[in-house]
């Protein structure tokens, strides 16, 4: 029994130490409360929860190179409904209304976590999206986003443009630059 107690204590200390180290070094916070069974985890490590399904579940998803529009809010340290430590970093919502962000999907105009998620979404779908650092801003970070940070997004795909008419150079680039 004493070995079992010592083993449990070591595991507990490792978990607590890992969380403390993560918080001190600016890494990812512990997973939010809804993570217990509501999240879907992709094979690349993205975690998400569909909070608003698309009106038409059979509508198309974007293809690489297609223009899309998305509304979003980015947080660090978790979602505000889950932790008081959540810090809003950026949003498409401003003091004079909301201006969705436009970009070409799947061509590295945004972080890889966004590209991967948007390509699976349908117009009108909203998600809580948790992007690990390696699919976000990496170990170096960017501007006010620290290196190694897990990113927490509320994201909604609000528009999908017409299918792209890609030229030979664009098709070649897509083939040579997979996500």
Protein backbone atom coordinates (compact mmCIF):
# COMPACT_ATOMS: atom_id res chain seq x y z
CA UNK A 1 0.00 0.00 0.00
CA UNK A 2 2.76 2.54 0.76
CA UNK A 3 4.23 2.12 -2.75
CA UNK A 4 0.77 2.70 -4.24
CA UNK A 5 0.35 5.90 -2.18
CA UNK A 6 3.83 7.12 -3.15
CA UNK A 7 3.08 6.39 -6.80
CA UNK A 8 -0.21 8.32 -6.64
CA UNK A 9 1.58 11.19 -4.94
CA UNK A 10 4.24 11.30 -7.69
CA UNK A 11 1.57 11.34 -10.41
CA UNK A 12 -0.34 14.08 -8.59
CA UNK A 13 2.80 16.16 -8.13
CA UNK A 14 3.72 15.72 -11.80
CA UNK A 15 0.28 16.88 -12.91
CA UNK A 16 0.28 19.87 -10.55
CA UNK A 17 3.87 20.71 -11.44
CA UNK A 18 3.09 20.52 -15.14
CA UNK A 19 0.15 22.89 -14.79
CA UNK A 20 2.18 25.31 -12.67
CA UNK A 21 5.11 25.20 -15.11
CA UNK A 22 2.74 25.75 -18.02
CA UNK A 23 1.17 28.77 -16.33
CA UNK A 24 4.50 30.26 -15.24
CA UNK A 25 6.15 29.86 -18.64
CA UNK A 26 3.14 31.23 -20.51
CA UNK A 27 2.22 27.95 -22.13
CA UNK A 28 -1.21 26.52 -22.49
CA UNK A 29 -3.65 26.60 -19.62
CA UNK A 30 -5.42 23.46 -18.45
CA UNK A 31 -8.24 22.39 -20.73
CA UNK A 32 -11.52 24.19 -20.10
CA UNK A 33 -14.38 22.50 -18.28
CA UNK A 34 -16.28 21.53 -21.44
CA UNK A 35 -13.31 19.41 -22.56
CA UNK A 36 -14.50 16.34 -20.69
CA UNK A 37 -16.46 14.87 -23.57
CA UNK A 38 -17.74 17.68 -25.71
CA UNK A 39 -14.55 18.23 -27.70
CA UNK A 40 -13.59 16.55 -30.91
CA UNK A 41 -9.84 16.13 -31.36
CA UNK A 42 -8.39 15.92 -34.86
CA UNK A 43 -5.45 13.73 -35.75
CA UNK A 44 -3.32 16.92 -35.91
CA UNK A 45 -4.22 17.97 -32.34
CA UNK A 46 -6.90 20.58 -33.00
CA UNK A 47 -9.71 20.47 -30.48
CA UNK A 48 -13.14 21.85 -31.22
CA UNK A 49 -16.77 21.87 -30.25
CA UNK A 50 -19.49 22.78 -32.75
CA UNK A 51 -21.62 25.37 -30.93
CA UNK A 52 -23.83 26.26 -33.91
CA UNK A 53 -24.29 23.67 -36.63
CA UNK A 54 -24.72 24.86 -40.21
CA UNK A 55 -28.30 25.44 -41.40
CA UNK A 56 -27.68 22.90 -44.16
CA UNK A 57 -25.51 20.00 -42.98
CA UNK A 58 -25.04 18.96 -46.61
CA UNK A 59 -23.77 22.33 -47.80
CA UNK A 60 -20.24 22.39 -49.24
CA UNK A 61 -17.07 22.99 -47.30
CA UNK A 62 -14.46 25.37 -48.71
CA UNK A 63 -11.69 24.10 -50.94
CA UNK A 64 -8.08 25.26 -50.84
CA UNK A 65 -7.72 28.60 -52.56
CA UNK A 66 -11.36 29.59 -52.06
CA UNK A 67 -12.12 32.96 -50.46
CA UNK A 68 -13.92 32.70 -47.12
CA UNK A 69 -15.17 35.10 -44.44
CA UNK A 70 -15.02 34.33 -40.75
CA UNK A 71 -16.02 36.08 -37.53
CA UNK A 72 -13.75 35.35 -34.60
CA UNK A 73 -12.54 36.23 -31.15
CA UNK A 74 -9.15 35.02 -29.90
CA UNK A 75 -8.38 34.38 -26.24
CA UNK A 76 -5.32 33.19 -24.35
CA UNK A 77 -5.49 31.04 -21.19
CA UNK A 78 -8.95 29.61 -22.00
CA UNK A 79 -12.46 30.78 -22.79
CA UNK A 80 -13.95 33.51 -20.55
CA UNK A 81 -16.92 31.35 -19.57
CA UNK A 82 -14.48 28.73 -18.25
CA UNK A 83 -11.81 30.77 -16.49
CA UNK A 84 -11.24 34.24 -15.09
CA UNK A 85 -7.71 34.07 -16.54
CA UNK A 86 -8.99 34.24 -20.15
CA UNK A 87 -7.53 37.23 -21.95
CA UNK A 88 -9.11 38.58 -25.14
CA UNK A 89 -6.35 39.23 -27.67
CA UNK A 90 -8.11 39.97 -30.97
CA UNK A 91 -11.56 39.98 -32.53
CA UNK A 92 -13.42 40.76 -35.73
CA UNK A 93 -15.83 42.66 -33.49
CA UNK A 94 -14.93 46.29 -33.04
CA UNK A 95 -16.49 49.35 -31.45
CA UNK A 96 -18.34 50.14 -34.70
CA UNK A 97 -19.64 46.66 -35.47
CA UNK A 98 -18.27 43.44 -36.78
CA UNK A 99 -16.16 43.08 -39.90
CA UNK A 100 -15.59 39.43 -40.83
CA UNK A 101 -12.03 38.53 -41.74
CA UNK A 102 -11.57 37.53 -45.41
CA UNK A 103 -8.83 35.20 -46.61
CA UNK A 104 -8.12 32.38 -49.04
CA UNK A 105 -8.61 29.06 -47.25
CA UNK A 106 -5.86 26.47 -47.10
CA UNK A 107 -3.06 28.57 -48.60
CA UNK A 108 -1.22 29.63 -45.42
CA UNK A 109 -2.63 33.17 -45.20
CA UNK A 110 -3.67 32.32 -41.63
CA UNK A 111 -2.33 30.00 -38.94
CA UNK A 112 -2.39 26.34 -39.85
CA UNK A 113 -4.98 25.57 -37.16
CA UNK A 114 -7.43 27.96 -38.85
CA UNK A 115 -6.76 26.55 -42.32
CA UNK A 116 -7.35 22.99 -41.12
CA UNK A 117 -10.53 23.88 -39.24
CA UNK A 118 -12.08 26.19 -41.86
CA UNK A 119 -11.65 23.55 -44.58
CA UNK A 120 -13.92 21.22 -42.54
CA UNK A 121 -16.59 23.82 -41.70
CA UNK A 122 -19.78 24.74 -43.51
CA UNK A 123 -21.26 28.20 -43.91
CA UNK A 124 -23.07 29.28 -40.75
CA UNK A 125 -21.19 26.81 -38.53
CA UNK A 126 -19.64 28.19 -35.35
CA UNK A 127 -17.04 26.45 -33.22
CA UNK A 128 -15.04 26.77 -30.08
CA UNK A 129 -11.59 25.98 -31.39
CA UNK A 130 -8.47 25.18 -29.36
CA UNK A 131 -5.29 25.46 -31.41
CA UNK A 132 -2.07 23.97 -30.02
CA UNK A 133 1.03 26.15 -30.33
CA UNK A 134 2.48 24.13 -33.23
CA UNK A 135 -0.63 24.89 -35.35
CA UNK A 136 -0.71 28.49 -34.13
CA UNK A 137 2.22 30.89 -33.72
CA UNK A 138 4.76 28.25 -32.74
CA UNK A 139 7.52 28.49 -30.18
CA UNK A 140 8.41 32.09 -31.10
CA UNK A 141 4.93 33.60 -30.84
CA UNK A 142 3.94 36.81 -32.57
CA UNK A 143 3.48 40.35 -31.30
CA UNK A 144 1.54 40.05 -28.02
CA UNK A 145 1.04 36.27 -28.39
CA UNK A 146 3.75 34.49 -26.38
CA UNK A 147 5.70 31.59 -27.81
CA UNK A 148 4.24 28.19 -27.06
CA UNK A 149 0.75 29.60 -26.46
CA UNK A 150 -2.38 27.56 -26.98
CA UNK A 151 -4.98 29.69 -28.77
CA UNK A 152 -8.70 29.69 -27.93
CA UNK A 153 -11.05 30.90 -30.65
CA UNK A 154 -14.74 31.43 -31.04
CA UNK A 155 -15.01 31.19 -34.81
CA UNK A 156 -17.89 31.26 -37.28
CA UNK A 157 -17.67 30.66 -41.01
CA UNK A 158 -20.01 33.33 -42.39
CA UNK A 159 -19.25 33.16 -46.10
CA UNK A 160 -17.76 30.98 -48.80
CA UNK A 161 -16.87 32.56 -52.14
CA UNK A 162 -17.21 30.98 -55.54
CA UNK A 163 -14.98 28.02 -56.32
CA UNK A 164 -11.55 29.18 -57.41
CA UNK A 165 -10.43 28.93 -61.01
CA UNK A 166 -6.79 28.09 -60.37
CA UNK A 167 -4.08 28.47 -62.97
CA UNK A 168 -1.29 25.90 -63.46
CA UNK A 169 1.14 27.72 -61.13
CA UNK A 170 -1.44 27.88 -58.34
CA UNK A 171 -2.30 24.20 -58.72
CA UNK A 172 1.39 23.33 -58.63
CA UNK A 173 1.87 25.43 -55.48
CA UNK A 174 -1.03 23.66 -53.74
CA UNK A 175 0.45 20.27 -54.65
CA UNK A 176 3.90 21.26 -53.39
CA UNK A 177 2.57 22.85 -50.17
CA UNK A 178 0.17 20.46 -48.44
CA UNK A 179 -1.34 21.43 -45.13
